[in-house]
C-alpha atoms as a PDB file:
ATOM      1  CA  MET A   1     -52.870  13.062 -23.459  1.00  0.00           C
ATOM      2  CA  ASP A   2     -49.332  13.512 -22.276  1.00  0.00           C
ATOM      3  CA  ALA A   3     -48.126  12.973 -18.738  1.00  0.00           C
ATOM      4  CA  MET A   4     -44.721  14.508 -19.460  1.00  0.00           C
ATOM      5  CA  ASP A   5     -44.236  18.266 -19.345  1.00  0.00           C
ATOM      6  CA  SER A   6     -42.877  19.664 -22.613  1.00  0.00           C
ATOM      7  CA  ARG A   7     -39.805  20.916 -20.705  1.00  0.00           C
ATOM      8  CA  THR A   8     -38.913  17.367 -19.695  1.00  0.00           C
ATOM      9  CA  ARG A   9     -39.244  15.802 -23.133  1.00  0.00           C
ATOM     10  CA  LEU A  10     -36.659  13.209 -23.978  1.00  0.00           C
ATOM     11  CA  GLN A  11     -33.869  14.547 -26.151  1.00  0.00           C
ATOM     12  CA  VAL A  12     -31.856  11.577 -27.318  1.00  0.00           C
ATOM     13  CA  GLN A  13     -31.251  12.727 -30.859  1.00  0.00           C
ATOM     14  CA  PRO A  14     -29.493  15.935 -31.875  1.00  0.00           C
ATOM     15  CA  SER A  15     -32.083  18.371 -33.103  1.00  0.00           C
ATOM     16  CA  ASN A  16     -32.764  22.037 -33.607  1.00  0.00           C
ATOM     17  CA  THR A  17     -35.590  21.992 -31.100  1.00  0.00           C
ATOM     18  CA  GLU A  18     -35.743  24.265 -28.096  1.00  0.00           C
ATOM     19  CA  LYS A  19     -32.901  23.738 -25.623  1.00  0.00           C
ATOM     20  CA  LYS A  20     -34.019  21.963 -22.488  1.00  0.00           C
ATOM     21  CA  HIS A  21     -33.249  23.497 -19.093  1.00  0.00           C
ATOM     22  CA  ASP A  22     -33.251  21.388 -15.974  1.00  0.00           C
ATOM     23  CA  THR A  23     -33.832  22.702 -12.507  1.00  0.00           C
ATOM     24  CA  LEU A  24     -31.382  21.923  -9.762  1.00  0.00           C
ATOM     25  CA  SER A  25     -32.761  21.333  -6.305  1.00  0.00           C
ATOM     26  CA  THR A  26     -30.952  23.154  -3.545  1.00  0.00           C
ATOM     27  CA  ASP A  27     -32.715  21.159  -0.857  1.00  0.00           C
ATOM     28  CA  SER A  28     -30.561  18.914   1.243  1.00  0.00           C
ATOM     29  CA  VAL A  29     -31.662  15.366   0.528  1.00  0.00           C
ATOM     30  CA  ALA A  30     -30.419  12.327   2.401  1.00  0.00           C
ATOM     31  CA  VAL A  31     -29.269   9.364   0.359  1.00  0.00           C
ATOM     32  CA  ASN A  32     -31.559   6.369   0.788  1.00  0.00           C
ATOM     33  CA  GLY A  33     -30.137   2.982   1.624  1.00  0.00           C
ATOM     34  CA  ASP A  34     -27.089   1.988   3.626  1.00  0.00           C
ATOM     35  CA  GLY A  35     -24.558   4.117   1.742  1.00  0.00           C
ATOM     36  CA  PRO A  36     -22.124   3.312  -1.043  1.00  0.00           C
ATOM     37  CA  GLY A  37     -22.047  -0.160  -2.468  1.00  0.00           C
ATOM     38  CA  ILE A  38     -25.532  -1.284  -1.449  1.00  0.00           C
ATOM     39  CA  ALA A  39     -25.700  -4.995  -2.141  1.00  0.00           C
ATOM     40  CA  ALA A  40     -28.607  -6.295  -4.204  1.00  0.00           C
ATOM     41  CA  GLN A  41     -29.960  -8.400  -1.364  1.00  0.00           C
ATOM     42  CA  THR A  42     -30.064  -5.389   0.994  1.00  0.00           C
ATOM     43  CA  ARG A  43     -31.531  -2.955  -1.527  1.00  0.00           C
ATOM     44  CA  PRO A  44     -34.349  -0.972   0.026  1.00  0.00           C
ATOM     45  CA  PRO A  45     -37.787  -1.447  -1.578  1.00  0.00           C
ATOM     46  CA  THR A  46     -37.618   2.076  -2.972  1.00  0.00           C
ATOM     47  CA  LEU A  47     -34.702   4.348  -3.746  1.00  0.00           C
ATOM     48  CA  GLY A  48     -36.388   7.640  -4.362  1.00  0.00           C
ATOM     49  CA  GLU A  49     -39.386   9.870  -4.235  1.00  0.00           C
ATOM     50  CA  LYS A  50     -41.065   8.196  -7.195  1.00  0.00           C
ATOM     51  CA  PRO A  51     -41.838   4.605  -6.189  1.00  0.00           C
ATOM     52  CA  CYS A  52     -43.717   2.470  -8.692  1.00  0.00           C
ATOM     53  CA  PRO A  53     -47.429   2.675  -7.866  1.00  0.00           C
ATOM     54  CA  GLN A  54     -49.509  -0.481  -7.943  1.00  0.00           C
ATOM     55  CA  ARG A  55     -50.885  -1.006 -11.448  1.00  0.00           C
ATOM     56  CA  PRO A  56     -52.955  -3.724 -13.090  1.00  0.00           C
ATOM     57  CA  ALA A  57     -51.005  -6.593 -14.617  1.00  0.00           C
ATOM     58  CA  LEU A  58     -49.823  -5.919 -18.160  1.00  0.00           C
ATOM     59  CA  GLN A  59     -52.112  -8.648 -19.511  1.00  0.00           C
ATOM     60  CA  ALA A  60     -55.150  -6.953 -17.918  1.00  0.00           C
ATOM     61  CA  ARG A  61     -54.508  -3.541 -19.434  1.00  0.00           C
ATOM     62  CA  PRO A  62     -56.120  -2.332 -22.660  1.00  0.00           C
ATOM     63  CA  LEU A  63     -54.034  -2.386 -25.819  1.00  0.00           C
ATOM     64  CA  LEU A  64     -51.556   0.504 -25.989  1.00  0.00           C
ATOM     65  CA  THR A  65     -52.736   3.683 -27.657  1.00  0.00           C
ATOM     66  CA  ASP A  66     -50.462   5.417 -30.153  1.00  0.00           C
ATOM     67  CA  ASP A  67     -49.602   8.051 -27.517  1.00  0.00           C
ATOM     68  CA  GLN A  68     -48.705   5.396 -24.948  1.00  0.00           C
ATOM     69  CA  ALA A  69     -46.573   3.525 -27.472  1.00  0.00           C
ATOM     70  CA  THR A  70     -44.750   6.750 -28.327  1.00  0.00           C
ATOM     71  CA  GLU A  71     -44.090   7.476 -24.640  1.00  0.00           C
ATOM     72  CA  LEU A  72     -42.722   3.942 -24.155  1.00  0.00           C
ATOM     73  CA  GLU A  73     -40.533   4.341 -27.212  1.00  0.00           C
ATOM     74  CA  LEU A  74     -39.102   7.546 -25.719  1.00  0.00           C
ATOM     75  CA  LEU A  75     -38.416   5.782 -22.421  1.00  0.00           C
ATOM     76  CA  PHE A  76     -36.660   2.874 -24.117  1.00  0.00           C
ATOM     77  CA  ARG A  77     -34.605   5.306 -26.185  1.00  0.00           C
ATOM     78  CA  LEU A  78     -33.622   7.042 -22.966  1.00  0.00           C
ATOM     79  CA  LEU A  79     -32.483   3.716 -21.530  1.00  0.00           C
ATOM     80  CA  GLY A  80     -30.993   2.548 -24.832  1.00  0.00           C
ATOM     81  CA  ASN A  81     -27.650   4.272 -24.338  1.00  0.00           C
ATOM     82  CA  THR A  82     -24.541   2.622 -22.898  1.00  0.00           C
ATOM     83  CA  THR A  83     -23.380   5.734 -21.060  1.00  0.00           C
ATOM     84  CA  ARG A  84     -26.771   6.397 -19.469  1.00  0.00           C
ATOM     85  CA  LEU A  85     -27.097   2.742 -18.429  1.00  0.00           C
ATOM     86  CA  LYS A  86     -23.647   2.819 -16.796  1.00  0.00           C
ATOM     87  CA  ILE A  87     -24.491   6.067 -15.021  1.00  0.00           C
ATOM     88  CA  LEU A  88     -27.789   4.704 -13.725  1.00  0.00           C
ATOM     89  CA  HIS A  89     -26.269   1.450 -12.531  1.00  0.00           C
ATOM     90  CA  CYS A  90     -23.450   3.298 -10.799  1.00  0.00           C
ATOM     91  CA  LEU A  91     -25.906   5.635  -9.069  1.00  0.00           C
ATOM     92  CA  VAL A  92     -28.066   2.697  -7.987  1.00  0.00           C
ATOM     93  CA  ARG A  93     -25.004   0.999  -6.473  1.00  0.00           C
ATOM     94  CA  GLU A  94     -23.511   4.075  -4.825  1.00  0.00           C
ATOM     95  CA  GLY A  95     -26.597   6.083  -3.891  1.00  0.00           C
ATOM     96  CA  GLU A  96     -25.488   9.609  -4.777  1.00  0.00           C
ATOM     97  CA  LEU A  97     -22.414  10.851  -6.633  1.00  0.00           C
ATOM     98  CA  ASN A  98     -21.150  14.047  -8.194  1.00  0.00           C
ATOM     99  CA  VAL A  99     -20.049  14.237 -11.824  1.00  0.00           C
ATOM    100  CA  GLY A 100     -16.350  13.775 -11.020  1.00  0.00           C
ATOM    101  CA  GLU A 101     -17.010  10.666  -8.945  1.00  0.00           C
ATOM    102  CA  LEU A 102     -19.211   9.223 -11.708  1.00  0.00           C
ATOM    103  CA  CYS A 103     -16.515   9.921 -14.313  1.00  0.00           C
ATOM    104  CA  GLU A 104     -13.922   8.104 -12.196  1.00  0.00           C
ATOM    105  CA  ARG A 105     -16.100   5.064 -11.685  1.00  0.00           C
ATOM    106  CA  ILE A 106     -17.350   4.598 -15.240  1.00  0.00           C
ATOM    107  CA  GLY A 107     -14.242   5.861 -17.033  1.00  0.00           C
ATOM    108  CA  LEU A 108     -15.765   8.620 -19.167  1.00  0.00           C
ATOM    109  CA  ASN A 109     -15.037  12.322 -19.541  1.00  0.00           C
ATOM    110  CA  THR A 110     -16.886  15.036 -17.671  1.00  0.00           C
ATOM    111  CA  GLN A 111     -18.674  16.460 -20.709  1.00  0.00           C
ATOM    112  CA  ALA A 112     -20.101  13.086 -21.769  1.00  0.00           C
ATOM    113  CA  VAL A 113     -21.331  12.282 -18.267  1.00  0.00           C
ATOM    114  CA  SER A 114     -22.741  15.790 -17.671  1.00  0.00           C
ATOM    115  CA  ASN A 115     -24.687  15.719 -20.936  1.00  0.00           C
ATOM    116  CA  GLN A 116     -26.240  12.368 -20.110  1.00  0.00           C
ATOM    117  CA  LEU A 117     -27.045  13.406 -16.529  1.00  0.00           C
ATOM    118  CA  ARG A 118     -28.819  16.495 -17.835  1.00  0.00           C
ATOM    119  CA  ASN A 119     -30.863  14.236 -20.114  1.00  0.00           C
ATOM    120  CA  LEU A 120     -31.728  11.850 -17.268  1.00  0.00           C
ATOM    121  CA  ALA A 121     -32.618  14.721 -14.918  1.00  0.00           C
ATOM    122  CA  GLY A 122     -34.780  16.368 -17.571  1.00  0.00           C
ATOM    123  CA  ASN A 123     -36.742  13.141 -17.892  1.00  0.00           C
ATOM    124  CA  GLY A 124     -37.328  12.736 -14.164  1.00  0.00           C
ATOM    125  CA  VAL A 125     -35.060   9.732 -13.700  1.00  0.00           C
ATOM    126  CA  VAL A 126     -32.373  11.359 -11.544  1.00  0.00           C
ATOM    127  CA  LEU A 127     -32.399  14.334  -9.200  1.00  0.00           C
ATOM    128  CA  ALA A 128     -29.640  16.926  -9.085  1.00  0.00           C
ATOM    129  CA  ARG A 129     -28.690  18.516  -5.758  1.00  0.00           C
ATOM    130  CA  ARG A 130     -26.200  21.355  -5.421  1.00  0.00           C
ATOM    131  CA  CYS A 131     -23.673  20.995  -2.622  1.00  0.00           C
ATOM    132  CA  GLY A 132     -21.262  23.934  -2.669  1.00  0.00           C
ATOM    133  CA  THR A 133     -19.641  23.933  -6.097  1.00  0.00           C
ATOM    134  CA  ASN A 134     -20.578  20.318  -6.828  1.00  0.00           C
ATOM    135  CA  ILE A 135     -23.793  18.883  -8.155  1.00  0.00           C
ATOM    136  CA  HIS A 136     -24.728  15.460  -6.811  1.00  0.00           C
ATOM    137  CA  TYR A 137     -27.062  13.085  -8.642  1.00  0.00           C
ATOM    138  CA  ARG A 138     -29.157  10.159  -7.507  1.00  0.00           C
ATOM    139  CA  VAL A 139     -31.829   7.913  -9.040  1.00  0.00           C
ATOM    140  CA  ILE A 140     -35.341   8.936  -7.993  1.00  0.00           C
ATOM    141  CA  ASP A 141     -37.522   6.803 -10.261  1.00  0.00           C
ATOM    142  CA  ASP A 142     -38.029   3.277  -8.965  1.00  0.00           C
ATOM    143  CA  CYS A 143     -39.889   2.250 -12.118  1.00  0.00           C
ATOM    144  CA  VAL A 144     -36.670   2.817 -14.085  1.00  0.00           C
ATOM    145  CA  LEU A 145     -34.784   0.837 -11.454  1.00  0.00           C
ATOM    146  CA  GLU A 146     -37.194  -2.060 -11.985  1.00  0.00           C
ATOM    147  CA  LEU A 147     -36.711  -1.846 -15.777  1.00  0.00           C
ATOM    148  CA  LEU A 148     -32.928  -1.993 -15.357  1.00  0.00           C
ATOM    149  CA  GLU A 149     -33.182  -4.915 -12.966  1.00  0.00           C
ATOM    150  CA  ARG A 150     -35.529  -6.863 -15.281  1.00  0.00           C
ATOM    151  CA  GLY A 151     -33.470  -6.033 -18.359  1.00  0.00           C
ATOM    152  CA  LEU A 152     -30.240  -7.201 -16.769  1.00  0.00           C
ATOM    153  CA  CYS A 153     -31.957 -10.350 -15.522  1.00  0.00           C
ATOM    154  CA  GLN A 154     -33.287 -11.120 -19.002  1.00  0.00           C
ATOM    155  CA  ARG A 155     -29.854 -10.669 -20.581  1.00  0.00           C
ATOM    156  CA  GLU A 156     -28.180 -12.836 -17.918  1.00  0.00           C
ATOM    157  CA  CYS A 157     -30.736 -15.607 -18.479  1.00  0.00           C
ATOM    158  CA  VAL A 158     -30.114 -15.545 -22.217  1.00  0.00           C
ATOM    159  CA  VAL A 159     -26.365 -15.807 -21.689  1.00  0.00           C
ATOM    160  CA  GLU A 160     -26.563 -18.471 -18.961  1.00  0.00           C
ATOM    161  CA  ARG A 161     -29.253 -20.680 -20.483  1.00  0.00           C
ATOM    162  CA  GLY A 162     -29.376 -19.599 -24.079  1.00  0.00           C
ATOM    163  CA  GLU A 163     -33.017 -18.577 -23.731  1.00  0.00           C
ATOM    164  CA  SER A 164     -35.230 -15.898 -22.306  1.00  0.00           C
ATOM    165  CA  CYS A 165     -36.581 -16.218 -18.778  1.00  0.00           C
ATOM    166  CA  GLY A 166     -39.679 -18.383 -18.585  1.00  0.00           C
ATOM    167  CA  SER A 167     -42.002 -19.184 -15.738  1.00  0.00           C
ATOM    168  CA  GLU A 168     -39.079 -20.769 -13.873  1.00  0.00           C
ATOM    169  CA  GLY A 169     -36.681 -17.916 -14.716  1.00  0.00           C
ATOM    170  CA  CYS A 170     -34.929 -15.593 -12.304  1.00  0.00           C
ATOM    171  CA  CYS A 171     -37.056 -12.602 -13.350  1.00  0.00           C
ATOM    172  CA  ASN A 172     -40.195 -14.250 -12.024  1.00  0.00           C
ATOM    173  CA  ALA A 173     -38.861 -14.974  -8.555  1.00  0.00           C
END
């Protein structure tokens, strides 16, 4: 029924449920791409270990089950947070950063950023890697990257043209 492990369940609302623990990888992992500030036109096809597999077109899939709809709702709740969106975009642009570097770039305090990174790591979106006393994070889920890219495109089209992207829109290029 459920592809997500109960330890990695999304926790976007305060609750009295069991505290989630994330596991930090101590493996040395190279940052994909050409380093900090990767431009959109030079973005590698995949950023992490979890590239989007080929799937049937949305129109060809069966209607969502209740379980699938719930899982999608959890994903959109995960992405429906300004701080998490800023963190993800910053990590996509820079490749890999530690908490202090993220705080500097997005202008938030350490506790707020750490809490959101723990949430993102627990949901398999980012990977944490210990390097001495610092913990570095990077995006590992290319499906989430695609959602961010499409979402930003849709919002830009609405602002620029006053309408959602259509068959001639930037999201379909």
